[in-house]
PDB file of N, CA and C in Angstrom:
ATOM      1  N   MET A   1      80.604 115.259 113.595  1.00  0.00           N
ATOM      2  CA  MET A   1      81.299 114.001 113.341  1.00  0.00           C
ATOM      3  C   MET A   1      80.661 112.909 114.197  1.00  0.00           C
ATOM      4  N   ASP A   2      80.635 111.725 113.719  1.00  0.00           N
ATOM      5  CA  ASP A   2      80.047 110.588 114.421  1.00  0.00           C
ATOM      6  C   ASP A   2      81.093 109.972 115.345  1.00  0.00           C
ATOM      7  N   ALA A   3      81.684 110.804 116.173  1.00  0.00           N
ATOM      8  CA  ALA A   3      82.807 110.387 117.006  1.00  0.00           C
ATOM      9  C   ALA A   3      82.366 109.377 118.051  1.00  0.00           C
ATOM     10  N   PHE A   4      83.220 108.407 118.238  1.00  0.00           N
ATOM     11  CA  PHE A   4      83.070 107.413 119.290  1.00  0.00           C
ATOM     12  C   PHE A   4      83.191 108.145 120.618  1.00  0.00           C
ATOM     13  N   SER A   5      82.440 107.783 121.617  1.00  0.00           N
ATOM     14  CA  SER A   5      82.527 108.428 122.918  1.00  0.00           C
ATOM     15  C   SER A   5      83.847 108.048 123.589  1.00  0.00           C
ATOM     16  N   MET A   6      84.777 108.978 123.546  1.00  0.00           N
ATOM     17  CA  MET A   6      86.138 108.703 124.016  1.00  0.00           C
ATOM     18  C   MET A   6      86.268 108.973 125.505  1.00  0.00           C
ATOM     19  N   PRO A   7      87.008 108.126 126.209  1.00  0.00           N
ATOM     20  CA  PRO A   7      87.353 108.452 127.582  1.00  0.00           C
ATOM     21  C   PRO A   7      88.165 109.748 127.594  1.00  0.00           C
ATOM     22  N   GLU A   8      87.921 110.584 128.568  1.00  0.00           N
ATOM     23  CA  GLU A   8      88.557 111.900 128.633  1.00  0.00           C
ATOM     24  C   GLU A   8      90.082 111.823 128.601  1.00  0.00           C
ATOM     25  N   HIS A   9      90.657 110.809 129.225  1.00  0.00           N
ATOM     26  CA  HIS A   9      92.120 110.709 129.310  1.00  0.00           C
ATOM     27  C   HIS A   9      92.776 110.382 127.968  1.00  0.00           C
ATOM     28  N   LEU A  10      91.988 110.064 126.939  1.00  0.00           N
ATOM     29  CA  LEU A  10      92.555 109.741 125.632  1.00  0.00           C
ATOM     30  C   LEU A  10      92.504 110.904 124.642  1.00  0.00           C
ATOM     31  N   ALA A  11      92.046 112.079 125.086  1.00  0.00           N
ATOM     32  CA  ALA A  11      92.088 113.248 124.203  1.00  0.00           C
ATOM     33  C   ALA A  11      93.544 113.459 123.828  1.00  0.00           C
ATOM     34  N   PRO A  12      93.863 113.780 122.635  1.00  0.00           N
ATOM     35  CA  PRO A  12      93.106 114.304 121.500  1.00  0.00           C
ATOM     36  C   PRO A  12      92.680 113.250 120.473  1.00  0.00           C
ATOM     37  N   LEU A  13      92.597 111.986 120.857  1.00  0.00           N
ATOM     38  CA  LEU A  13      92.233 110.911 119.939  1.00  0.00           C
ATOM     39  C   LEU A  13      90.723 110.920 119.688  1.00  0.00           C
ATOM     40  N   GLU A  14      90.318 110.780 118.417  1.00  0.00           N
ATOM     41  CA  GLU A  14      88.907 110.690 118.050  1.00  0.00           C
ATOM     42  C   GLU A  14      88.719 109.523 117.090  1.00  0.00           C
ATOM     43  N   LEU A  15      87.738 108.679 117.373  1.00  0.00           N
ATOM     44  CA  LEU A  15      87.374 107.585 116.475  1.00  0.00           C
ATOM     45  C   LEU A  15      86.007 107.889 115.883  1.00  0.00           C
ATOM     46  N   SER A  16      85.902 107.834 114.579  1.00  0.00           N
ATOM     47  CA  SER A  16      84.635 108.007 113.891  1.00  0.00           C
ATOM     48  C   SER A  16      84.138 106.607 113.529  1.00  0.00           C
ATOM     49  N   THR A  17      83.097 106.156 114.223  1.00  0.00           N
ATOM     50  CA  THR A  17      82.661 104.770 114.058  1.00  0.00           C
ATOM     51  C   THR A  17      81.966 104.505 112.731  1.00  0.00           C
ATOM     52  N   LEU A  18      81.222 105.464 112.204  1.00  0.00           N
ATOM     53  CA  LEU A  18      80.527 105.237 110.944  1.00  0.00           C
ATOM     54  C   LEU A  18      81.485 105.198 109.763  1.00  0.00           C
ATOM     55  N   SER A  19      82.427 106.113 109.736  1.00  0.00           N
ATOM     56  CA  SER A  19      83.377 106.160 108.618  1.00  0.00           C
ATOM     57  C   SER A  19      84.631 105.341 108.897  1.00  0.00           C
ATOM     58  N   ARG A  20      84.767 104.864 110.140  1.00  0.00           N
ATOM     59  CA  ARG A  20      85.937 104.074 110.559  1.00  0.00           C
ATOM     60  C   ARG A  20      87.236 104.844 110.317  1.00  0.00           C
ATOM     61  N   ARG A  21      87.215 106.110 110.704  1.00  0.00           N
ATOM     62  CA  ARG A  21      88.390 106.966 110.576  1.00  0.00           C
ATOM     63  C   ARG A  21      88.852 107.374 111.958  1.00  0.00           C
ATOM     64  N   VAL A  22      90.155 107.661 112.067  1.00  0.00           N
ATOM     65  CA  VAL A  22      90.757 108.042 113.347  1.00  0.00           C
ATOM     66  C   VAL A  22      91.487 109.362 113.156  1.00  0.00           C
ATOM     67  N   PHE A  23      91.291 110.259 114.128  1.00  0.00           N
ATOM     68  CA  PHE A  23      91.932 111.570 114.089  1.00  0.00           C
ATOM     69  C   PHE A  23      92.653 111.833 115.402  1.00  0.00           C
ATOM     70  N   ILE A  24      93.773 112.517 115.296  1.00  0.00           N
ATOM     71  CA  ILE A  24      94.477 113.044 116.464  1.00  0.00           C
ATOM     72  C   ILE A  24      94.710 114.512 116.172  1.00  0.00           C
ATOM     73  N   SER A  25      94.082 115.387 116.982  1.00  0.00           N
ATOM     74  CA  SER A  25      94.198 116.837 116.797  1.00  0.00           C
ATOM     75  C   SER A  25      93.943 117.225 115.337  1.00  0.00           C
ATOM     76  N   ASP A  26      92.854 116.743 114.775  1.00  0.00           N
ATOM     77  CA  ASP A  26      92.433 117.035 113.399  1.00  0.00           C
ATOM     78  C   ASP A  26      93.320 116.433 112.316  1.00  0.00           C
ATOM     79  N   ASN A  27      94.309 115.634 112.671  1.00  0.00           N
ATOM     80  CA  ASN A  27      95.134 114.919 111.700  1.00  0.00           C
ATOM     81  C   ASN A  27      94.615 113.494 111.583  1.00  0.00           C
ATOM     82  N   GLU A  28      94.306 113.064 110.368  1.00  0.00           N
ATOM     83  CA  GLU A  28      93.784 111.723 110.169  1.00  0.00           C
ATOM     84  C   GLU A  28      94.906 110.698 110.143  1.00  0.00           C
ATOM     85  N   LEU A  29      94.725 109.607 110.871  1.00  0.00           N
ATOM     86  CA  LEU A  29      95.665 108.493 110.833  1.00  0.00           C
ATOM     87  C   LEU A  29      95.239 107.542 109.729  1.00  0.00           C
ATOM     88  N   GLU A  30      96.178 107.096 108.945  1.00  0.00           N
ATOM     89  CA  GLU A  30      95.895 106.115 107.901  1.00  0.00           C
ATOM     90  C   GLU A  30      96.070 104.723 108.516  1.00  0.00           C
ATOM     91  N   LEU A  31      94.950 104.076 108.823  1.00  0.00           N
ATOM     92  CA  LEU A  31      94.981 102.757 109.449  1.00  0.00           C
ATOM     93  C   LEU A  31      94.370 101.718 108.528  1.00  0.00           C
ATOM     94  N   THR A  32      94.884 100.503 108.622  1.00  0.00           N
ATOM     95  CA  THR A  32      94.236  99.387 107.946  1.00  0.00           C
ATOM     96  C   THR A  32      92.975  99.036 108.730  1.00  0.00           C
ATOM     97  N   GLY A  33      92.110  98.236 108.143  1.00  0.00           N
ATOM     98  CA  GLY A  33      90.903  97.811 108.845  1.00  0.00           C
ATOM     99  C   GLY A  33      91.213  97.080 110.132  1.00  0.00           C
ATOM    100  N   LEU A  34      92.215  96.227 110.090  1.00  0.00           N
ATOM    101  CA  LEU A  34      92.588  95.474 111.281  1.00  0.00           C
ATOM    102  C   LEU A  34      93.171  96.403 112.360  1.00  0.00           C
ATOM    103  N   GLU A  35      93.981  97.371 111.949  1.00  0.00           N
ATOM    104  CA  GLU A  35      94.534  98.332 112.910  1.00  0.00           C
ATOM    105  C   GLU A  35      93.422  99.149 113.549  1.00  0.00           C
ATOM    106  N   TYR A  36      92.421  99.545 112.752  1.00  0.00           N
ATOM    107  CA  TYR A  36      91.285 100.280 113.298  1.00  0.00           C
ATOM    108  C   TYR A  36      90.560  99.430 114.347  1.00  0.00           C
ATOM    109  N   ASN A  37      90.278  98.176 114.015  1.00  0.00           N
ATOM    110  CA  ASN A  37      89.584  97.284 114.950  1.00  0.00           C
ATOM    111  C   ASN A  37      90.378  97.110 116.238  1.00  0.00           C
ATOM    112  N   LEU A  38      91.676  96.952 116.115  1.00  0.00           N
ATOM    113  CA  LEU A  38      92.539  96.781 117.278  1.00  0.00           C
ATOM    114  C   LEU A  38      92.544  98.036 118.140  1.00  0.00           C
ATOM    115  N   LEU A  39      92.667  99.204 117.515  1.00  0.00           N
ATOM    116  CA  LEU A  39      92.654 100.459 118.265  1.00  0.00           C
ATOM    117  C   LEU A  39      91.309 100.668 118.948  1.00  0.00           C
ATOM    118  N   GLN A  40      90.221 100.370 118.255  1.00  0.00           N
ATOM    119  CA  GLN A  40      88.895 100.526 118.853  1.00  0.00           C
ATOM    120  C   GLN A  40      88.740  99.611 120.074  1.00  0.00           C
ATOM    121  N   LEU A  41      89.236  98.391 119.987  1.00  0.00           N
ATOM    122  CA  LEU A  41      89.190  97.477 121.125  1.00  0.00           C
ATOM    123  C   LEU A  41      89.986  98.039 122.304  1.00  0.00           C
ATOM    124  N   LEU A  42      91.180  98.539 122.037  1.00  0.00           N
ATOM    125  CA  LEU A  42      92.005  99.116 123.108  1.00  0.00           C
ATOM    126  C   LEU A  42      91.334 100.340 123.724  1.00  0.00           C
ATOM    127  N   VAL A  43      90.701 101.170 122.894  1.00  0.00           N
ATOM    128  CA  VAL A  43      90.010 102.366 123.385  1.00  0.00           C
ATOM    129  C   VAL A  43      88.855 101.981 124.297  1.00  0.00           C
ATOM    130  N   THR A  44      88.042 101.015 123.866  1.00  0.00           N
ATOM    131  CA  THR A  44      86.863 100.654 124.657  1.00  0.00           C
ATOM    132  C   THR A  44      87.239 100.044 126.006  1.00  0.00           C
ATOM    133  N   GLN A  45      88.419  99.465 126.106  1.00  0.00           N
ATOM    134  CA  GLN A  45      88.855  98.851 127.365  1.00  0.00           C
ATOM    135  C   GLN A  45      89.752  99.774 128.193  1.00  0.00           C
ATOM    136  N   SER A  46      90.198 100.887 127.605  1.00  0.00           N
ATOM    137  CA  SER A  46      91.162 101.779 128.249  1.00  0.00           C
ATOM    138  C   SER A  46      90.641 102.313 129.571  1.00  0.00           C
ATOM    139  N   PRO A  47      91.493 102.362 130.568  1.00  0.00           N
ATOM    140  CA  PRO A  47      92.917 102.049 130.610  1.00  0.00           C
ATOM    141  C   PRO A  47      93.212 100.605 131.028  1.00  0.00           C
ATOM    142  N   GLU A  48      92.209  99.747 130.963  1.00  0.00           N
ATOM    143  CA  GLU A  48      92.386  98.355 131.381  1.00  0.00           C
ATOM    144  C   GLU A  48      93.222  97.562 130.375  1.00  0.00           C
ATOM    145  N   LEU A  49      93.826  96.509 130.873  1.00  0.00           N
ATOM    146  CA  LEU A  49      94.633  95.609 130.056  1.00  0.00           C
ATOM    147  C   LEU A  49      93.734  94.751 129.162  1.00  0.00           C
ATOM    148  N   VAL A  50      94.117  94.604 127.900  1.00  0.00           N
ATOM    149  CA  VAL A  50      93.432  93.701 126.973  1.00  0.00           C
ATOM    150  C   VAL A  50      94.396  92.548 126.729  1.00  0.00           C
ATOM    151  N   SER A  51      93.976  91.346 127.078  1.00  0.00           N
ATOM    152  CA  SER A  51      94.873  90.195 126.954  1.00  0.00           C
ATOM    153  C   SER A  51      95.149  89.863 125.497  1.00  0.00           C
ATOM    154  N   ARG A  52      96.298  89.246 125.287  1.00  0.00           N
ATOM    155  CA  ARG A  52      96.667  88.801 123.944  1.00  0.00           C
ATOM    156  C   ARG A  52      95.649  87.784 123.426  1.00  0.00           C
ATOM    157  N   GLU A  53      95.137  86.934 124.313  1.00  0.00           N
ATOM    158  CA  GLU A  53      94.130  85.943 123.941  1.00  0.00           C
ATOM    159  C   GLU A  53      92.847  86.626 123.458  1.00  0.00           C
ATOM    160  N   HIS A  54      92.441  87.693 124.156  1.00  0.00           N
ATOM    161  CA  HIS A  54      91.238  88.436 123.774  1.00  0.00           C
ATOM    162  C   HIS A  54      91.427  89.083 122.399  1.00  0.00           C
ATOM    163  N   ILE A  55      92.590  89.662 122.174  1.00  0.00           N
ATOM    164  CA  ILE A  55      92.898  90.258 120.870  1.00  0.00           C
ATOM    165  C   ILE A  55      92.849  89.190 119.777  1.00  0.00           C
ATOM    166  N   ALA A  56      93.470  88.053 120.031  1.00  0.00           N
ATOM    167  CA  ALA A  56      93.498  86.969 119.044  1.00  0.00           C
ATOM    168  C   ALA A  56      92.082  86.532 118.670  1.00  0.00           C
ATOM    169  N   GLN A  57      91.230  86.359 119.661  1.00  0.00           N
ATOM    170  CA  GLN A  57      89.878  85.885 119.412  1.00  0.00           C
ATOM    171  C   GLN A  57      88.993  86.934 118.766  1.00  0.00           C
ATOM    172  N   HIS A  58      89.045  88.178 119.255  1.00  0.00           N
ATOM    173  CA  HIS A  58      88.101  89.197 118.800  1.00  0.00           C
ATOM    174  C   HIS A  58      88.564  89.993 117.583  1.00  0.00           C
ATOM    175  N   ILE A  59      89.831  90.038 117.328  1.00  0.00           N
ATOM    176  CA  ILE A  59      90.324  90.784 116.173  1.00  0.00           C
ATOM    177  C   ILE A  59      90.696  89.842 115.027  1.00  0.00           C
ATOM    178  N   PHE A  60      91.378  88.752 115.350  1.00  0.00           N
ATOM    179  CA  PHE A  60      91.842  87.828 114.318  1.00  0.00           C
ATOM    180  C   PHE A  60      90.919  86.617 114.132  1.00  0.00           C
ATOM    181  N   ASN A  61      90.029  86.384 115.094  1.00  0.00           N
ATOM    182  CA  ASN A  61      89.149  85.211 115.089  1.00  0.00           C
ATOM    183  C   ASN A  61      89.939  83.912 114.994  1.00  0.00           C
ATOM    184  N   LYS A  62      91.090  83.886 115.660  1.00  0.00           N
ATOM    185  CA  LYS A  62      91.960  82.714 115.656  1.00  0.00           C
ATOM    186  C   LYS A  62      92.538  82.517 117.047  1.00  0.00           C
ATOM    187  N   PRO A  63      93.023  81.317 117.332  1.00  0.00           N
ATOM    188  CA  PRO A  63      93.698  81.105 118.616  1.00  0.00           C
ATOM    189  C   PRO A  63      95.014  81.886 118.656  1.00  0.00           C
ATOM    190  N   LEU A  64      95.446  82.226 119.851  1.00  0.00           N
ATOM    191  CA  LEU A  64      96.657  83.019 120.049  1.00  0.00           C
ATOM    192  C   LEU A  64      97.869  82.402 119.367  1.00  0.00           C
ATOM    193  N   VAL A  65      98.021  81.100 119.405  1.00  0.00           N
ATOM    194  CA  VAL A  65      99.185  80.428 118.829  1.00  0.00           C
ATOM    195  C   VAL A  65      99.347  80.763 117.347  1.00  0.00           C
ATOM    196  N   VAL A  66      98.237  80.885 116.635  1.00  0.00           N
ATOM    197  CA  VAL A  66      98.269  81.130 115.200  1.00  0.00           C
ATOM    198  C   VAL A  66      98.678  82.566 114.861  1.00  0.00           C
ATOM    199  N   CYS A  67      98.293  83.531 115.690  1.00  0.00           N
ATOM    200  CA  CYS A  67      98.512  84.939 115.327  1.00  0.00           C
ATOM    201  C   CYS A  67      99.404  85.697 116.304  1.00  0.00           C
ATOM    202  N   ASN A  68     100.198  85.001 117.094  1.00  0.00           N
ATOM    203  CA  ASN A  68     101.028  85.623 118.112  1.00  0.00           C
ATOM    204  C   ASN A  68     101.938  86.721 117.559  1.00  0.00           C
ATOM    205  N   LEU A  69     102.698  86.434 116.517  1.00  0.00           N
ATOM    206  CA  LEU A  69     103.606  87.429 115.948  1.00  0.00           C
ATOM    207  C   LEU A  69     102.856  88.521 115.197  1.00  0.00           C
ATOM    208  N   SER A  70     101.721  88.197 114.641  1.00  0.00           N
ATOM    209  CA  SER A  70     100.900  89.188 113.946  1.00  0.00           C
ATOM    210  C   SER A  70     100.432  90.276 114.906  1.00  0.00           C
ATOM    211  N   ILE A  71     100.072  89.899 116.109  1.00  0.00           N
ATOM    212  CA  ILE A  71      99.653  90.873 117.118  1.00  0.00           C
ATOM    213  C   ILE A  71     100.794  91.849 117.378  1.00  0.00           C
ATOM    214  N   ASN A  72     102.004  91.321 117.579  1.00  0.00           N
ATOM    215  CA  ASN A  72     103.168  92.186 117.824  1.00  0.00           C
ATOM    216  C   ASN A  72     103.357  93.185 116.696  1.00  0.00           C
ATOM    217  N   CYS A  73     103.243  92.721 115.475  1.00  0.00           N
ATOM    218  CA  CYS A  73     103.434  93.558 114.295  1.00  0.00           C
ATOM    219  C   CYS A  73     102.396  94.679 114.238  1.00  0.00           C
ATOM    220  N   HIS A  74     101.134  94.355 114.447  1.00  0.00           N
ATOM    221  CA  HIS A  74     100.070  95.362 114.374  1.00  0.00           C
ATOM    222  C   HIS A  74     100.156  96.357 115.525  1.00  0.00           C
ATOM    223  N   ILE A  75     100.519  95.903 116.703  1.00  0.00           N
ATOM    224  CA  ILE A  75     100.719  96.823 117.838  1.00  0.00           C
ATOM    225  C   ILE A  75     101.866  97.776 117.521  1.00  0.00           C
ATOM    226  N   SER A  76     102.949  97.246 116.978  1.00  0.00           N
ATOM    227  CA  SER A  76     104.097  98.078 116.612  1.00  0.00           C
ATOM    228  C   SER A  76     103.698  99.137 115.577  1.00  0.00           C
ATOM    229  N   ASN A  77     102.952  98.732 114.568  1.00  0.00           N
ATOM    230  CA  ASN A  77     102.491  99.676 113.549  1.00  0.00           C
ATOM    231  C   ASN A  77     101.614 100.770 114.155  1.00  0.00           C
ATOM    232  N   LEU A  78     100.709 100.388 115.053  1.00  0.00           N
ATOM    233  CA  LEU A  78      99.855 101.377 115.718  1.00  0.00           C
ATOM    234  C   LEU A  78     100.679 102.351 116.547  1.00  0.00           C
ATOM    235  N   ARG A  79     101.667 101.846 117.256  1.00  0.00           N
ATOM    236  CA  ARG A  79     102.526 102.726 118.062  1.00  0.00           C
ATOM    237  C   ARG A  79     103.204 103.778 117.198  1.00  0.00           C
ATOM    238  N   VAL A  80     103.721 103.355 116.060  1.00  0.00           N
ATOM    239  CA  VAL A  80     104.392 104.283 115.149  1.00  0.00           C
ATOM    240  C   VAL A  80     103.394 105.327 114.644  1.00  0.00           C
ATOM    241  N   LYS A  81     102.225 104.890 114.209  1.00  0.00           N
ATOM    242  CA  LYS A  81     101.239 105.811 113.656  1.00  0.00           C
ATOM    243  C   LYS A  81     100.711 106.787 114.698  1.00  0.00           C
ATOM    244  N   LEU A  82     100.497 106.319 115.919  1.00  0.00           N
ATOM    245  CA  LEU A  82     100.074 107.220 116.997  1.00  0.00           C
ATOM    246  C   LEU A  82     101.190 108.199 117.337  1.00  0.00           C
ATOM    247  N   GLY A  83     102.416 107.705 117.395  1.00  0.00           N
ATOM    248  CA  GLY A  83     103.564 108.513 117.794  1.00  0.00           C
ATOM    249  C   GLY A  83     103.894 109.643 116.843  1.00  0.00           C
ATOM    250  N   VAL A  84     103.501 109.520 115.593  1.00  0.00           N
ATOM    251  CA  VAL A  84     103.739 110.593 114.620  1.00  0.00           C
ATOM    252  C   VAL A  84     102.961 111.847 115.009  1.00  0.00           C
ATOM    253  N   HIS A  85     101.785 111.671 115.628  1.00  0.00           N
ATOM    254  CA  HIS A  85     100.899 112.798 115.916  1.00  0.00           C
ATOM    255  C   HIS A  85     100.780 113.180 117.384  1.00  0.00           C
ATOM    256  N   THR A  86     101.125 112.299 118.295  1.00  0.00           N
ATOM    257  CA  THR A  86     100.996 112.638 119.711  1.00  0.00           C
ATOM    258  C   THR A  86     101.918 111.778 120.571  1.00  0.00           C
ATOM    259  N   GLN A  87     102.365 112.369 121.648  1.00  0.00           N
ATOM    260  CA  GLN A  87     103.105 111.630 122.672  1.00  0.00           C
ATOM    261  C   GLN A  87     102.245 111.488 123.927  1.00  0.00           C
ATOM    262  N   GLN A  88     100.986 111.932 123.844  1.00  0.00           N
ATOM    263  CA  GLN A  88     100.073 111.917 124.986  1.00  0.00           C
ATOM    264  C   GLN A  88      99.394 110.572 125.198  1.00  0.00           C
ATOM    265  N   ILE A  89      99.388 109.728 124.163  1.00  0.00           N
ATOM    266  CA  ILE A  89      98.712 108.434 124.230  1.00  0.00           C
ATOM    267  C   ILE A  89      99.714 107.350 123.856  1.00  0.00           C
ATOM    268  N   LYS A  90      99.779 106.323 124.681  1.00  0.00           N
ATOM    269  CA  LYS A  90     100.735 105.238 124.453  1.00  0.00           C
ATOM    270  C   LYS A  90     100.028 103.885 124.554  1.00  0.00           C
ATOM    271  N   ILE A  91     100.595 102.903 123.861  1.00  0.00           N
ATOM    272  CA  ILE A  91     100.155 101.522 124.035  1.00  0.00           C
ATOM    273  C   ILE A  91     101.179 100.865 124.947  1.00  0.00           C
ATOM    274  N   LYS A  92     100.728 100.540 126.136  1.00  0.00           N
ATOM    275  CA  LYS A  92     101.592  99.942 127.157  1.00  0.00           C
ATOM    276  C   LYS A  92     101.553  98.423 127.027  1.00  0.00           C
ATOM    277  N   SER A  93     102.724  97.801 127.070  1.00  0.00           N
ATOM    278  CA  SER A  93     102.819  96.336 127.036  1.00  0.00           C
ATOM    279  C   SER A  93     102.983  95.799 128.445  1.00  0.00           C
ATOM    280  N   VAL A  94     102.309  94.708 128.706  1.00  0.00           N
ATOM    281  CA  VAL A  94     102.539  93.952 129.936  1.00  0.00           C
ATOM    282  C   VAL A  94     102.997  92.588 129.457  1.00  0.00           C
ATOM    283  N   ARG A  95     104.275  92.346 129.591  1.00  0.00           N
ATOM    284  CA  ARG A  95     104.915  91.171 128.989  1.00  0.00           C
ATOM    285  C   ARG A  95     104.156  89.868 129.266  1.00  0.00           C
ATOM    286  N   GLY A  96     103.842  89.189 128.174  1.00  0.00           N
ATOM    287  CA  GLY A  96     103.174  87.900 128.272  1.00  0.00           C
ATOM    288  C   GLY A  96     101.697  87.966 128.583  1.00  0.00           C
ATOM    289  N   ARG A  97     101.172  89.171 128.829  1.00  0.00           N
ATOM    290  CA  ARG A  97      99.759  89.288 129.212  1.00  0.00           C
ATOM    291  C   ARG A  97      98.923  90.044 128.196  1.00  0.00           C
ATOM    292  N   GLY A  98      99.393  91.237 127.781  1.00  0.00           N
ATOM    293  CA  GLY A  98      98.573  92.002 126.847  1.00  0.00           C
ATOM    294  C   GLY A  98      98.996  93.449 126.742  1.00  0.00           C
ATOM    295  N   TYR A  99      98.022  94.287 126.371  1.00  0.00           N
ATOM    296  CA  TYR A  99      98.290  95.687 126.078  1.00  0.00           C
ATOM    297  C   TYR A  99      97.197  96.566 126.662  1.00  0.00           C
ATOM    298  N   ALA A 100      97.572  97.821 126.934  1.00  0.00           N
ATOM    299  CA  ALA A 100      96.606  98.806 127.409  1.00  0.00           C
ATOM    300  C   ALA A 100      96.891 100.143 126.732  1.00  0.00           C
ATOM    301  N   LEU A 101      95.861 100.855 126.363  1.00  0.00           N
ATOM    302  CA  LEU A 101      95.984 102.190 125.805  1.00  0.00           C
ATOM    303  C   LEU A 101      95.867 103.165 126.966  1.00  0.00           C
ATOM    304  N   VAL A 102      96.917 103.954 127.180  1.00  0.00           N
ATOM    305  CA  VAL A 102      96.972 104.824 128.349  1.00  0.00           C
ATOM    306  C   VAL A 102      97.452 106.221 127.969  1.00  0.00           C
ATOM    307  N   ALA A 103      97.124 107.180 128.845  1.00  0.00           N
ATOM    308  CA  ALA A 103      97.679 108.524 128.705  1.00  0.00           C
ATOM    309  C   ALA A 103      99.118 108.481 129.188  1.00  0.00           C
ATOM    310  N   ALA A 104      99.990 109.132 128.437  1.00  0.00           N
ATOM    311  CA  ALA A 104     101.418 109.108 128.787  1.00  0.00           C
ATOM    312  C   ALA A 104     101.708 110.024 129.963  1.00  0.00           C
TER     313      ALA A 104
END
């Protein structure tokens, strides 16, 4: 598999960069393109905080003011999809600042 080089603390998560598919313990997550991009950004920065401004610019290509609620919605969707397959990986919120993908 063309798996993205994952930080060890994020096992059992696997990102396939060529096919843009995500697996948790051999179970494929059904993600939208935007959800995939958001998860990949969180993975590459993990366990560091990714600011809401950075997400707005790099995922939505818009200023934060325009996509503020959209970010909340996509993070919520990712949390649900991750939670179906694992409790080992969480998206942590830092109120007013951003998000981090961390081991639970």
